Protein backbone atom coordinates (compact mmCIF):
# COMPACT_ATOMS: atom_id res chain seq x y z
CA MET A 1 -15.77 8.34 20.85
CA LEU A 2 -18.12 8.60 17.90
CA ALA A 3 -16.07 6.18 15.80
CA SER A 4 -16.18 3.54 18.54
CA VAL A 5 -19.98 3.85 18.73
CA PHE A 6 -20.30 3.33 14.97
CA ALA A 7 -17.55 0.72 14.49
CA PRO A 8 -19.46 -2.39 15.66
CA ARG A 9 -22.39 -1.61 13.38
CA SER A 10 -20.38 -0.55 10.35
CA TYR A 11 -19.28 -2.85 7.56
CA VAL A 12 -17.65 -3.00 4.16
CA GLU A 13 -18.70 -5.63 1.63
CA VAL A 14 -17.07 -6.16 -1.74
CA ASP A 15 -18.20 -7.99 -4.84
CA HIS A 16 -16.75 -7.95 -8.35
CA HIS A 17 -18.22 -4.55 -9.21
CA HIS A 18 -19.04 -2.69 -6.01
CA ILE A 19 -17.87 -1.72 -2.56
CA GLU A 20 -20.79 -1.36 -0.17
CA LEU A 21 -20.24 0.71 2.93
CA GLY A 22 -22.75 0.18 5.73
CA ILE A 23 -22.85 2.99 8.26
CA PRO A 24 -25.43 3.58 10.99
CA LYS A 25 -27.85 6.43 10.55
CA GLY A 26 -26.34 9.68 11.72
CA ALA A 27 -22.77 8.92 10.66
CA ASN A 28 -21.07 11.90 9.07
CA THR A 29 -18.53 12.00 6.25
CA GLU A 30 -15.60 11.67 8.64
CA ASN A 31 -17.14 8.54 10.21
CA ARG A 32 -17.62 7.02 6.75
CA ARG A 33 -14.06 7.82 5.75
CA THR A 34 -12.72 6.30 8.98
CA VAL A 35 -14.59 3.03 8.46
CA LEU A 36 -13.51 2.77 4.82
CA ASP A 37 -9.91 3.75 5.56
CA ASN A 38 -9.72 1.14 8.34
CA TRP A 39 -10.97 -1.49 5.91
CA TYR A 40 -8.45 -0.43 3.25
CA TRP A 41 -5.70 -0.45 5.90
CA GLN A 42 -6.56 -4.03 6.93
CA GLU A 43 -6.70 -5.21 3.32
CA LEU A 44 -3.36 -3.58 2.49
CA ARG A 45 -1.73 -4.87 5.69
CA GLY A 46 -2.64 -8.47 4.83
CA ALA A 47 -1.54 -8.26 1.19
CA ALA A 48 1.68 -6.40 2.02
CA SER A 49 2.63 -8.83 4.80
CA ALA A 50 2.50 -11.76 2.40
CA LEU A 51 4.47 -9.96 -0.33
CA ILE A 52 7.11 -8.67 2.08
CA GLU A 53 7.60 -12.21 3.34
CA THR A 54 7.95 -13.51 -0.22
CA TRP A 55 10.56 -10.88 -1.11
CA GLN A 56 12.34 -11.48 2.18
CA GLU A 57 12.83 -15.13 1.24
CA ARG A 58 14.08 -14.17 -2.23
CA PHE A 59 16.39 -11.35 -1.10
CA GLY A 60 17.52 -12.77 2.22
CA VAL A 61 17.28 -9.28 3.73
CA GLU A 62 14.88 -8.71 6.61
CA VAL A 63 12.41 -5.89 7.01
CA ASP A 64 11.88 -5.24 10.70
CA HIS A 65 8.62 -3.38 10.27
CA PHE A 66 6.40 -1.78 7.67
CA PHE A 67 4.06 1.15 8.03
CA ILE A 68 0.96 2.18 6.15
CA GLN A 69 0.17 5.85 5.93
CA ARG A 70 -1.36 8.47 3.68
CA MET A 71 1.31 9.91 1.43
CA LYS A 72 0.75 12.86 -0.89
CA THR A 73 3.62 12.36 -3.34
CA ASN A 74 5.01 8.81 -3.07
CA TRP A 75 3.77 5.26 -3.31
CA GLY A 76 6.32 4.09 -0.77
CA GLY A 77 9.55 4.75 1.03
CA SER A 78 12.15 2.91 3.05
CA SER A 79 14.79 3.34 5.70
CA THR A 80 17.66 0.93 5.29
CA GLN A 81 19.10 1.93 8.68
CA ARG A 82 15.86 1.16 10.53
CA ARG A 83 15.00 -1.67 8.13
CA THR A 84 11.50 -0.30 7.56
CA ILE A 85 9.22 0.21 4.60
CA ARG A 86 6.42 2.76 4.31
CA LEU A 87 3.48 2.11 2.01
CA ASN A 88 0.90 4.59 0.79
CA LEU A 89 -2.61 3.64 1.94
CA GLU A 90 -3.82 4.35 -1.61
CA LEU A 91 -2.02 1.17 -2.76
CA ALA A 92 -4.96 -0.74 -1.30
CA LYS A 93 -7.01 0.58 -4.23
CA LYS A 94 -4.51 -0.50 -6.90
CA ASP A 95 -3.73 -3.81 -8.59
CA ILE A 96 -1.78 -6.30 -6.46
CA GLU A 97 0.96 -6.16 -9.09
CA CYS A 98 1.44 -2.46 -8.26
CA LEU A 99 1.83 -3.24 -4.56
CA ASP A 100 4.27 -6.01 -5.43
CA TYR A 101 6.35 -3.57 -7.50
CA VAL A 102 6.46 -0.93 -4.74
CA ILE A 103 7.53 -3.52 -2.18
CA LEU A 104 10.18 -4.86 -4.56
CA HIS A 105 11.40 -1.32 -5.25
CA GLU A 106 11.71 -0.50 -1.55
CA ARG A 107 13.28 -3.89 -0.73
CA ALA A 108 15.83 -3.37 -3.49
CA HIS A 109 17.02 -0.23 -1.69
CA PHE A 110 18.13 -2.46 1.19
CA ILE A 111 20.71 -3.85 -1.25
CA VAL A 112 21.36 -0.86 -3.56
CA LEU A 113 20.75 2.57 -2.05
CA ASN A 114 20.43 4.58 -5.27
CA HIS A 115 18.55 4.14 -8.55
CA GLY A 116 21.68 3.38 -10.57
CA ASP A 117 22.55 0.49 -12.87
CA GLY A 118 22.82 -2.04 -10.03
CA PHE A 119 19.36 -1.12 -8.76
CA ILE A 120 17.84 -1.40 -12.24
CA ALA A 121 19.57 -4.76 -12.80
CA LEU A 122 18.11 -6.02 -9.52
CA LEU A 123 14.59 -4.99 -10.57
CA ASP A 124 15.10 -6.51 -14.03
CA ARG A 125 16.20 -9.80 -12.48
CA HIS A 126 13.29 -10.08 -10.05
CA MET A 127 10.45 -8.45 -12.02
CA PRO A 128 11.22 -8.22 -15.74
CA ASN A 129 8.01 -6.24 -16.41
CA TRP A 130 8.62 -3.66 -13.65
CA ARG A 131 8.76 -0.74 -16.10
CA HIS A 132 5.30 -1.57 -17.39
CA VAL A 133 3.95 -1.95 -13.84
CA ARG A 134 5.58 1.32 -12.75
CA LYS A 135 4.07 3.14 -15.73
CA HIS A 136 0.64 1.68 -15.00
CA LEU A 137 0.93 2.69 -11.34
CA ASN A 138 2.10 6.21 -12.14
CA ASP A 139 -0.69 6.65 -14.70
CA LEU A 140 -3.19 6.07 -11.88
CA PRO A 141 -4.16 8.85 -9.49
CA LEU A 142 -2.11 8.94 -6.29
CA GLY A 143 -5.27 9.55 -4.29
CA PHE A 144 -8.34 11.67 -4.11
CA ILE A 145 -8.30 15.41 -3.77
CA GLU A 146 -10.63 16.70 -1.13
CA LYS A 147 -12.30 20.00 -1.92
CA PRO A 148 -12.79 22.38 0.99
């Protein structure tokens, strides 16, 4: 109930150097996190939709649905049987190239299930700099750690 009261008067604005979060007076930390997470979710949803469509055209393999969720240990995941991809919400805070790599990685599993030579060849063919992007992504923090 509280989030719905704050939602119409809350906003997120971004410029080249800052993210400004506008929250009505009286909003607590959880309300702030909800507004910001919703904004990140929308941003990631839009960027991922476009990239998934691009890879779909290149691979010719459809993804039926993708999910965005908080993940503690992975940037993404996939289910070839259900034809779904899961993306870590924290990808919204990373370079678009990192999101592109994770989507490519998960899409490639629709063709090659393991991380063997065929999988690596597929990544090499479609994103020659994937190793550099993966290293950059893995050098970044997976998310924030909340102290009790």
